[in-house]
Amino acid sequence: MKDSKMATAEKKERQSRGNVNINKDRCKGCGFCVEFCPTHALRFSEDFNALGYHYPVRLEEAACTGCDQCGAFCPDFAIFGYRYKSHT
């Protein structure tokens, strides 16, 4: 019984609570979004955008909480986070 509760808790923990939208063509590679993400869900892409900058990408879906810290610090409005509606 205890193992099934732990498995359920782990599964619930891994589900994504939010998402992040990235407009890679607006990004100027300042790194604020990557630096200030509280869950460290972002990293820089190895690819370049049309302006010649590395843009952020999400590491894994479950890591993002949708807190929008990335959007709050982005000076170019190139990224924003949003939370999913709760299904409880």
PDB file of N, CA and C in Angstrom:
ATOM      1  N   MET A   1       0.826  -1.202   0.000  1.00  0.00           N
ATOM      2  CA  MET A   1       0.000   0.000   0.000  1.00  0.00           C
ATOM      3  C   MET A   1       0.869   1.265   0.000  1.00  0.00           C
ATOM      4  N   LYS A   2       1.902   1.252   0.803  1.00  0.00           N
ATOM      5  CA  LYS A   2       2.784   2.418   0.903  1.00  0.00           C
ATOM      6  C   LYS A   2       3.483   2.693  -0.429  1.00  0.00           C
ATOM      7  N   ASP A   3       3.904   1.626  -1.125  1.00  0.00           N
ATOM      8  CA  ASP A   3       4.575   1.795  -2.414  1.00  0.00           C
ATOM      9  C   ASP A   3       3.662   2.421  -3.459  1.00  0.00           C
ATOM     10  N   SER A   4       2.392   2.037  -3.468  1.00  0.00           N
ATOM     11  CA  SER A   4       1.470   2.603  -4.453  1.00  0.00           C
ATOM     12  C   SER A   4       1.214   4.083  -4.180  1.00  0.00           C
ATOM     13  N   LYS A   5       1.185   4.484  -2.912  1.00  0.00           N
ATOM     14  CA  LYS A   5       1.026   5.901  -2.575  1.00  0.00           C
ATOM     15  C   LYS A   5       2.239   6.694  -3.025  1.00  0.00           C
ATOM     16  N   MET A   6       3.424   6.114  -2.846  1.00  0.00           N
ATOM     17  CA  MET A   6       4.646   6.795  -3.267  1.00  0.00           C
ATOM     18  C   MET A   6       4.690   6.928  -4.784  1.00  0.00           C
ATOM     19  N   ALA A   7       4.272   5.877  -5.493  1.00  0.00           N
ATOM     20  CA  ALA A   7       4.263   5.913  -6.953  1.00  0.00           C
ATOM     21  C   ALA A   7       3.282   6.975  -7.456  1.00  0.00           C
ATOM     22  N   THR A   8       2.121   7.063  -6.801  1.00  0.00           N
ATOM     23  CA  THR A   8       1.135   8.071  -7.181  1.00  0.00           C
ATOM     24  C   THR A   8       1.672   9.470  -6.924  1.00  0.00           C
ATOM     25  N   ALA A   9       2.335   9.665  -5.794  1.00  0.00           N
ATOM     26  CA  ALA A   9       2.916  10.964  -5.468  1.00  0.00           C
ATOM     27  C   ALA A   9       3.996  11.353  -6.470  1.00  0.00           C
ATOM     28  N   GLU A  10       4.843  10.401  -6.856  1.00  0.00           N
ATOM     29  CA  GLU A  10       5.892  10.681  -7.835  1.00  0.00           C
ATOM     30  C   GLU A  10       5.294  11.038  -9.187  1.00  0.00           C
ATOM     31  N   LYS A  11       4.253  10.304  -9.586  1.00  0.00           N
ATOM     32  CA  LYS A  11       3.605  10.566 -10.865  1.00  0.00           C
ATOM     33  C   LYS A  11       2.978  11.956 -10.865  1.00  0.00           C
ATOM     34  N   LYS A  12       2.324  12.314  -9.758  1.00  0.00           N
ATOM     35  CA  LYS A  12       1.704  13.624  -9.641  1.00  0.00           C
ATOM     36  C   LYS A  12       2.764  14.724  -9.681  1.00  0.00           C
ATOM     37  N   GLU A  13       3.895  14.472  -9.044  1.00  0.00           N
ATOM     38  CA  GLU A  13       4.981  15.435  -8.982  1.00  0.00           C
ATOM     39  C   GLU A  13       5.569  15.713 -10.368  1.00  0.00           C
ATOM     40  N   ARG A  14       5.602  14.716 -11.227  1.00  0.00           N
ATOM     41  CA  ARG A  14       6.209  14.850 -12.553  1.00  0.00           C
ATOM     42  C   ARG A  14       5.297  15.511 -13.570  1.00  0.00           C
ATOM     43  N   GLN A  15       4.012  15.611 -13.275  1.00  0.00           N
ATOM     44  CA  GLN A  15       3.094  16.236 -14.218  1.00  0.00           C
ATOM     45  C   GLN A  15       3.372  17.726 -14.291  1.00  0.00           C
ATOM     46  N   SER A  16       3.291  18.242 -15.472  1.00  0.00           N
ATOM     47  CA  SER A  16       3.544  19.663 -15.681  1.00  0.00           C
ATOM     48  C   SER A  16       2.403  20.487 -15.093  1.00  0.00           C
ATOM     49  N   ARG A  17       2.768  21.557 -14.406  1.00  0.00           N
ATOM     50  CA  ARG A  17       1.763  22.465 -13.850  1.00  0.00           C
ATOM     51  C   ARG A  17       1.606  23.707 -14.712  1.00  0.00           C
ATOM     52  N   GLY A  18       2.478  23.865 -15.691  1.00  0.00           N
ATOM     53  CA  GLY A  18       2.406  25.037 -16.556  1.00  0.00           C
ATOM     54  C   GLY A  18       3.264  24.861 -17.782  1.00  0.00           C
ATOM     55  N   ASN A  19       3.335  25.921 -18.549  1.00  0.00           N
ATOM     56  CA  ASN A  19       4.101  25.881 -19.786  1.00  0.00           C
ATOM     57  C   ASN A  19       4.696  27.265 -20.029  1.00  0.00           C
ATOM     58  N   VAL A  20       5.577  27.328 -20.973  1.00  0.00           N
ATOM     59  CA  VAL A  20       6.220  28.587 -21.327  1.00  0.00           C
ATOM     60  C   VAL A  20       6.156  28.746 -22.847  1.00  0.00           C
ATOM     61  N   ASN A  21       5.788  29.935 -23.285  1.00  0.00           N
ATOM     62  CA  ASN A  21       5.797  30.262 -24.713  1.00  0.00           C
ATOM     63  C   ASN A  21       7.018  31.115 -24.994  1.00  0.00           C
ATOM     64  N   ILE A  22       7.758  30.732 -26.022  1.00  0.00           N
ATOM     65  CA  ILE A  22       8.994  31.427 -26.371  1.00  0.00           C
ATOM     66  C   ILE A  22       8.889  31.922 -27.809  1.00  0.00           C
ATOM     67  N   ASN A  23       9.049  33.214 -27.989  1.00  0.00           N
ATOM     68  CA  ASN A  23       9.107  33.792 -29.327  1.00  0.00           C
ATOM     69  C   ASN A  23      10.593  33.965 -29.647  1.00  0.00           C
ATOM     70  N   LYS A  24      11.171  32.939 -30.238  1.00  0.00           N
ATOM     71  CA  LYS A  24      12.628  32.925 -30.436  1.00  0.00           C
ATOM     72  C   LYS A  24      13.129  34.066 -31.321  1.00  0.00           C
ATOM     73  N   ASP A  25      12.289  34.579 -32.204  1.00  0.00           N
ATOM     74  CA  ASP A  25      12.730  35.645 -33.094  1.00  0.00           C
ATOM     75  C   ASP A  25      12.811  37.010 -32.402  1.00  0.00           C
ATOM     76  N   ARG A  26      12.166  37.156 -31.247  1.00  0.00           N
ATOM     77  CA  ARG A  26      12.256  38.411 -30.483  1.00  0.00           C
ATOM     78  C   ARG A  26      13.417  38.400 -29.498  1.00  0.00           C
ATOM     79  N   CYS A  27      13.916  37.230 -29.180  1.00  0.00           N
ATOM     80  CA  CYS A  27      14.938  37.065 -28.142  1.00  0.00           C
ATOM     81  C   CYS A  27      16.268  37.680 -28.559  1.00  0.00           C
ATOM     82  N   LYS A  28      16.896  38.384 -27.606  1.00  0.00           N
ATOM     83  CA  LYS A  28      18.222  38.956 -27.830  1.00  0.00           C
ATOM     84  C   LYS A  28      19.277  38.288 -26.960  1.00  0.00           C
ATOM     85  N   GLY A  29      18.933  37.132 -26.380  1.00  0.00           N
ATOM     86  CA  GLY A  29      19.911  36.323 -25.662  1.00  0.00           C
ATOM     87  C   GLY A  29      20.451  36.910 -24.375  1.00  0.00           C
ATOM     88  N   CYS A  30      19.672  37.732 -23.681  1.00  0.00           N
ATOM     89  CA  CYS A  30      20.178  38.369 -22.456  1.00  0.00           C
ATOM     90  C   CYS A  30      20.386  37.363 -21.322  1.00  0.00           C
ATOM     91  N   GLY A  31      19.596  36.296 -21.295  1.00  0.00           N
ATOM     92  CA  GLY A  31      19.763  35.259 -20.290  1.00  0.00           C
ATOM     93  C   GLY A  31      19.002  35.470 -19.000  1.00  0.00           C
ATOM     94  N   PHE A  32      18.225  36.543 -18.886  1.00  0.00           N
ATOM     95  CA  PHE A  32      17.471  36.786 -17.653  1.00  0.00           C
ATOM     96  C   PHE A  32      16.490  35.654 -17.374  1.00  0.00           C
ATOM     97  N   CYS A  33      15.819  35.170 -18.389  1.00  0.00           N
ATOM     98  CA  CYS A  33      14.836  34.099 -18.194  1.00  0.00           C
ATOM     99  C   CYS A  33      15.498  32.836 -17.654  1.00  0.00           C
ATOM    100  N   VAL A  34      16.640  32.491 -18.209  1.00  0.00           N
ATOM    101  CA  VAL A  34      17.374  31.298 -17.766  1.00  0.00           C
ATOM    102  C   VAL A  34      17.880  31.489 -16.337  1.00  0.00           C
ATOM    103  N   GLU A  35      18.404  32.658 -16.058  1.00  0.00           N
ATOM    104  CA  GLU A  35      18.981  32.953 -14.738  1.00  0.00           C
ATOM    105  C   GLU A  35      17.935  32.982 -13.625  1.00  0.00           C
ATOM    106  N   PHE A  36      16.768  33.560 -13.891  1.00  0.00           N
ATOM    107  CA  PHE A  36      15.780  33.765 -12.844  1.00  0.00           C
ATOM    108  C   PHE A  36      14.681  32.707 -12.779  1.00  0.00           C
ATOM    109  N   CYS A  37      14.747  31.678 -13.594  1.00  0.00           N
ATOM    110  CA  CYS A  37      13.761  30.594 -13.528  1.00  0.00           C
ATOM    111  C   CYS A  37      13.948  29.831 -12.212  1.00  0.00           C
ATOM    112  N   PRO A  38      12.951  29.835 -11.322  1.00  0.00           N
ATOM    113  CA  PRO A  38      13.122  29.192 -10.025  1.00  0.00           C
ATOM    114  C   PRO A  38      13.234  27.672 -10.094  1.00  0.00           C
ATOM    115  N   THR A  39      12.729  27.060 -11.161  1.00  0.00           N
ATOM    116  CA  THR A  39      12.818  25.598 -11.283  1.00  0.00           C
ATOM    117  C   THR A  39      13.919  25.160 -12.247  1.00  0.00           C
ATOM    118  N   HIS A  40      14.666  26.112 -12.775  1.00  0.00           N
ATOM    119  CA  HIS A  40      15.749  25.827 -13.729  1.00  0.00           C
ATOM    120  C   HIS A  40      15.243  24.999 -14.909  1.00  0.00           C
ATOM    121  N   ALA A  41      14.085  25.409 -15.424  1.00  0.00           N
ATOM    122  CA  ALA A  41      13.438  24.690 -16.519  1.00  0.00           C
ATOM    123  C   ALA A  41      13.919  25.144 -17.893  1.00  0.00           C
ATOM    124  N   LEU A  42      14.742  26.195 -17.947  1.00  0.00           N
ATOM    125  CA  LEU A  42      15.180  26.741 -19.228  1.00  0.00           C
ATOM    126  C   LEU A  42      16.689  26.631 -19.394  1.00  0.00           C
ATOM    127  N   ARG A  43      17.098  26.543 -20.632  1.00  0.00           N
ATOM    128  CA  ARG A  43      18.518  26.613 -20.993  1.00  0.00           C
ATOM    129  C   ARG A  43      18.584  27.280 -22.355  1.00  0.00           C
ATOM    130  N   PHE A  44      19.776  27.679 -22.758  1.00  0.00           N
ATOM    131  CA  PHE A  44      19.934  28.264 -24.080  1.00  0.00           C
ATOM    132  C   PHE A  44      20.026  27.182 -25.138  1.00  0.00           C
ATOM    133  N   SER A  45      19.397  27.424 -26.256  1.00  0.00           N
ATOM    134  CA  SER A  45      19.483  26.531 -27.405  1.00  0.00           C
ATOM    135  C   SER A  45      20.877  26.652 -28.016  1.00  0.00           C
ATOM    136  N   GLU A  46      21.300  25.631 -28.682  1.00  0.00           N
ATOM    137  CA  GLU A  46      22.560  25.701 -29.418  1.00  0.00           C
ATOM    138  C   GLU A  46      22.359  26.371 -30.772  1.00  0.00           C
ATOM    139  N   ASP A  47      21.110  26.489 -31.185  1.00  0.00           N
ATOM    140  CA  ASP A  47      20.777  27.142 -32.453  1.00  0.00           C
ATOM    141  C   ASP A  47      20.718  28.648 -32.277  1.00  0.00           C
ATOM    142  N   PHE A  48      20.745  29.362 -33.382  1.00  0.00           N
ATOM    143  CA  PHE A  48      20.643  30.812 -33.392  1.00  0.00           C
ATOM    144  C   PHE A  48      19.309  31.231 -33.992  1.00  0.00           C
ATOM    145  N   ASN A  49      18.780  32.363 -33.532  1.00  0.00           N
ATOM    146  CA  ASN A  49      17.575  32.902 -34.157  1.00  0.00           C
ATOM    147  C   ASN A  49      17.975  33.808 -35.326  1.00  0.00           C
ATOM    148  N   ALA A  50      17.008  34.479 -35.940  1.00  0.00           N
ATOM    149  CA  ALA A  50      17.274  35.327 -37.108  1.00  0.00           C
ATOM    150  C   ALA A  50      18.179  36.515 -36.771  1.00  0.00           C
ATOM    151  N   LEU A  51      18.210  36.911 -35.491  1.00  0.00           N
ATOM    152  CA  LEU A  51      19.060  38.030 -35.067  1.00  0.00           C
ATOM    153  C   LEU A  51      20.476  37.585 -34.701  1.00  0.00           C
ATOM    154  N   GLY A  52      20.698  36.282 -34.687  1.00  0.00           N
ATOM    155  CA  GLY A  52      22.021  35.765 -34.375  1.00  0.00           C
ATOM    156  C   GLY A  52      22.260  35.453 -32.909  1.00  0.00           C
ATOM    157  N   TYR A  53      21.192  35.339 -32.121  1.00  0.00           N
ATOM    158  CA  TYR A  53      21.311  35.059 -30.692  1.00  0.00           C
ATOM    159  C   TYR A  53      20.847  33.644 -30.373  1.00  0.00           C
ATOM    160  N   HIS A  54      21.426  33.083 -29.322  1.00  0.00           N
ATOM    161  CA  HIS A  54      20.905  31.834 -28.774  1.00  0.00           C
ATOM    162  C   HIS A  54      19.638  32.184 -27.998  1.00  0.00           C
ATOM    163  N   TYR A  55      18.596  31.430 -28.185  1.00  0.00           N
ATOM    164  CA  TYR A  55      17.325  31.682 -27.521  1.00  0.00           C
ATOM    165  C   TYR A  55      17.067  30.574 -26.493  1.00  0.00           C
ATOM    166  N   PRO A  56      16.197  30.812 -25.518  1.00  0.00           N
ATOM    167  CA  PRO A  56      15.943  29.796 -24.498  1.00  0.00           C
ATOM    168  C   PRO A  56      15.025  28.694 -25.015  1.00  0.00           C
ATOM    169  N   VAL A  57      15.196  27.522 -24.458  1.00  0.00           N
ATOM    170  CA  VAL A  57      14.304  26.392 -24.699  1.00  0.00           C
ATOM    171  C   VAL A  57      14.016  25.739 -23.344  1.00  0.00           C
ATOM    172  N   ARG A  58      12.906  25.066 -23.268  1.00  0.00           N
ATOM    173  CA  ARG A  58      12.520  24.380 -22.041  1.00  0.00           C
ATOM    174  C   ARG A  58      13.241  23.049 -21.958  1.00  0.00           C
ATOM    175  N   LEU A  59      13.761  22.713 -20.792  1.00  0.00           N
ATOM    176  CA  LEU A  59      14.478  21.456 -20.614  1.00  0.00           C
ATOM    177  C   LEU A  59      13.549  20.258 -20.676  1.00  0.00           C
ATOM    178  N   GLU A  60      12.549  20.239 -19.818  1.00  0.00           N
ATOM    179  CA  GLU A  60      11.576  19.162 -19.833  1.00  0.00           C
ATOM    180  C   GLU A  60      10.228  19.717 -19.410  1.00  0.00           C
ATOM    181  N   GLU A  61       9.175  19.133 -19.921  1.00  0.00           N
ATOM    182  CA  GLU A  61       7.835  19.675 -19.713  1.00  0.00           C
ATOM    183  C   GLU A  61       7.464  19.762 -18.239  1.00  0.00           C
ATOM    184  N   ALA A  62       7.780  18.741 -17.473  1.00  0.00           N
ATOM    185  CA  ALA A  62       7.366  18.701 -16.073  1.00  0.00           C
ATOM    186  C   ALA A  62       8.080  19.727 -15.207  1.00  0.00           C
ATOM    187  N   ALA A  63       9.185  20.276 -15.666  1.00  0.00           N
ATOM    188  CA  ALA A  63       9.948  21.219 -14.851  1.00  0.00           C
ATOM    189  C   ALA A  63       9.279  22.584 -14.751  1.00  0.00           C
ATOM    190  N   CYS A  64       8.520  22.992 -15.735  1.00  0.00           N
ATOM    191  CA  CYS A  64       7.912  24.326 -15.749  1.00  0.00           C
ATOM    192  C   CYS A  64       6.655  24.357 -14.892  1.00  0.00           C
ATOM    193  N   THR A  65       6.569  25.354 -14.012  1.00  0.00           N
ATOM    194  CA  THR A  65       5.380  25.537 -13.172  1.00  0.00           C
ATOM    195  C   THR A  65       4.457  26.607 -13.714  1.00  0.00           C
ATOM    196  N   GLY A  66       4.887  27.334 -14.726  1.00  0.00           N
ATOM    197  CA  GLY A  66       4.082  28.398 -15.295  1.00  0.00           C
ATOM    198  C   GLY A  66       4.047  29.653 -14.443  1.00  0.00           C
ATOM    199  N   CYS A  67       5.062  29.863 -13.643  1.00  0.00           N
ATOM    200  CA  CYS A  67       5.083  30.994 -12.702  1.00  0.00           C
ATOM    201  C   CYS A  67       5.251  32.340 -13.393  1.00  0.00           C
ATOM    202  N   ASP A  68       5.770  32.377 -14.585  1.00  0.00           N
ATOM    203  CA  ASP A  68       5.999  33.563 -15.403  1.00  0.00           C
ATOM    204  C   ASP A  68       7.107  34.469 -14.876  1.00  0.00           C
ATOM    205  N   GLN A  69       8.032  33.935 -14.094  1.00  0.00           N
ATOM    206  CA  GLN A  69       9.204  34.711 -13.706  1.00  0.00           C
ATOM    207  C   GLN A  69      10.021  35.066 -14.947  1.00  0.00           C
ATOM    208  N   CYS A  70      10.077  34.158 -15.894  1.00  0.00           N
ATOM    209  CA  CYS A  70      10.815  34.402 -17.136  1.00  0.00           C
ATOM    210  C   CYS A  70      10.254  35.616 -17.860  1.00  0.00           C
ATOM    211  N   GLY A  71       8.939  35.691 -17.954  1.00  0.00           N
ATOM    212  CA  GLY A  71       8.297  36.808 -18.626  1.00  0.00           C
ATOM    213  C   GLY A  71       8.441  38.115 -17.871  1.00  0.00           C
ATOM    214  N   ALA A  72       8.473  38.032 -16.561  1.00  0.00           N
ATOM    215  CA  ALA A  72       8.602  39.238 -15.742  1.00  0.00           C
ATOM    216  C   ALA A  72       9.959  39.916 -15.941  1.00  0.00           C
ATOM    217  N   PHE A  73      10.992  39.126 -16.204  1.00  0.00           N
ATOM    218  CA  PHE A  73      12.336  39.676 -16.347  1.00  0.00           C
ATOM    219  C   PHE A  73      12.757  39.921 -17.791  1.00  0.00           C
ATOM    220  N   CYS A  74      11.994  39.430 -18.765  1.00  0.00           N
ATOM    221  CA  CYS A  74      12.380  39.567 -20.171  1.00  0.00           C
ATOM    222  C   CYS A  74      12.164  41.003 -20.660  1.00  0.00           C
ATOM    223  N   PRO A  75      13.230  41.710 -21.039  1.00  0.00           N
ATOM    224  CA  PRO A  75      13.081  43.088 -21.500  1.00  0.00           C
ATOM    225  C   PRO A  75      12.498  43.194 -22.915  1.00  0.00           C
ATOM    226  N   ASP A  76      12.451  42.090 -23.640  1.00  0.00           N
ATOM    227  CA  ASP A  76      11.973  42.106 -25.022  1.00  0.00           C
ATOM    228  C   ASP A  76      10.623  41.431 -25.212  1.00  0.00           C
ATOM    229  N   PHE A  77       9.980  41.021 -24.107  1.00  0.00           N
ATOM    230  CA  PHE A  77       8.673  40.358 -24.168  1.00  0.00           C
ATOM    231  C   PHE A  77       8.706  39.159 -25.115  1.00  0.00           C
ATOM    232  N   ALA A  78       9.783  38.400 -25.031  1.00  0.00           N
ATOM    233  CA  ALA A  78       9.968  37.261 -25.923  1.00  0.00           C
ATOM    234  C   ALA A  78       9.540  35.940 -25.291  1.00  0.00           C
ATOM    235  N   ILE A  79       9.160  35.970 -24.019  1.00  0.00           N
ATOM    236  CA  ILE A  79       8.829  34.740 -23.319  1.00  0.00           C
ATOM    237  C   ILE A  79       7.791  35.028 -22.239  1.00  0.00           C
ATOM    238  N   PHE A  80       6.893  34.071 -22.012  1.00  0.00           N
ATOM    239  CA  PHE A  80       5.979  34.184 -20.880  1.00  0.00           C
ATOM    240  C   PHE A  80       5.519  32.792 -20.470  1.00  0.00           C
ATOM    241  N   GLY A  81       5.256  32.655 -19.202  1.00  0.00           N
ATOM    242  CA  GLY A  81       4.776  31.394 -18.661  1.00  0.00           C
ATOM    243  C   GLY A  81       3.319  31.502 -18.281  1.00  0.00           C
ATOM    244  N   TYR A  82       2.642  30.367 -18.269  1.00  0.00           N
ATOM    245  CA  TYR A  82       1.245  30.327 -17.839  1.00  0.00           C
ATOM    246  C   TYR A  82       0.977  28.986 -17.171  1.00  0.00           C
ATOM    247  N   ARG A  83       0.066  29.010 -16.217  1.00  0.00           N
ATOM    248  CA  ARG A  83      -0.298  27.801 -15.465  1.00  0.00           C
ATOM    249  C   ARG A  83      -1.517  27.150 -16.065  1.00  0.00           C
ATOM    250  N   TYR A  84      -1.520  25.821 -15.991  1.00  0.00           N
ATOM    251  CA  TYR A  84      -2.689  25.056 -16.422  1.00  0.00           C
ATOM    252  C   TYR A  84      -3.765  25.152 -15.349  1.00  0.00           C
ATOM    253  N   LYS A  85      -5.005  25.043 -15.756  1.00  0.00           N
ATOM    254  CA  LYS A  85      -6.095  24.990 -14.782  1.00  0.00           C
ATOM    255  C   LYS A  85      -5.995  23.672 -14.039  1.00  0.00           C
ATOM    256  N   SER A  86      -6.265  23.712 -12.762  1.00  0.00           N
ATOM    257  CA  SER A  86      -6.161  22.524 -11.914  1.00  0.00           C
ATOM    258  C   SER A  86      -7.301  21.555 -12.229  1.00  0.00           C
ATOM    259  N   HIS A  87      -6.977  20.271 -12.263  1.00  0.00           N
ATOM    260  CA  HIS A  87      -7.970  19.231 -12.546  1.00  0.00           C
ATOM    261  C   HIS A  87      -8.190  18.371 -11.317  1.00  0.00           C
ATOM    262  N   THR A  88      -8.390  19.006 -10.154  1.00  0.00           N
ATOM    263  CA  THR A  88      -8.599  18.242  -8.921  1.00  0.00           C
ATOM    264  C   THR A  88     -10.034  18.068  -8.602  1.00  0.00           C
TER     265      THR A  88
END
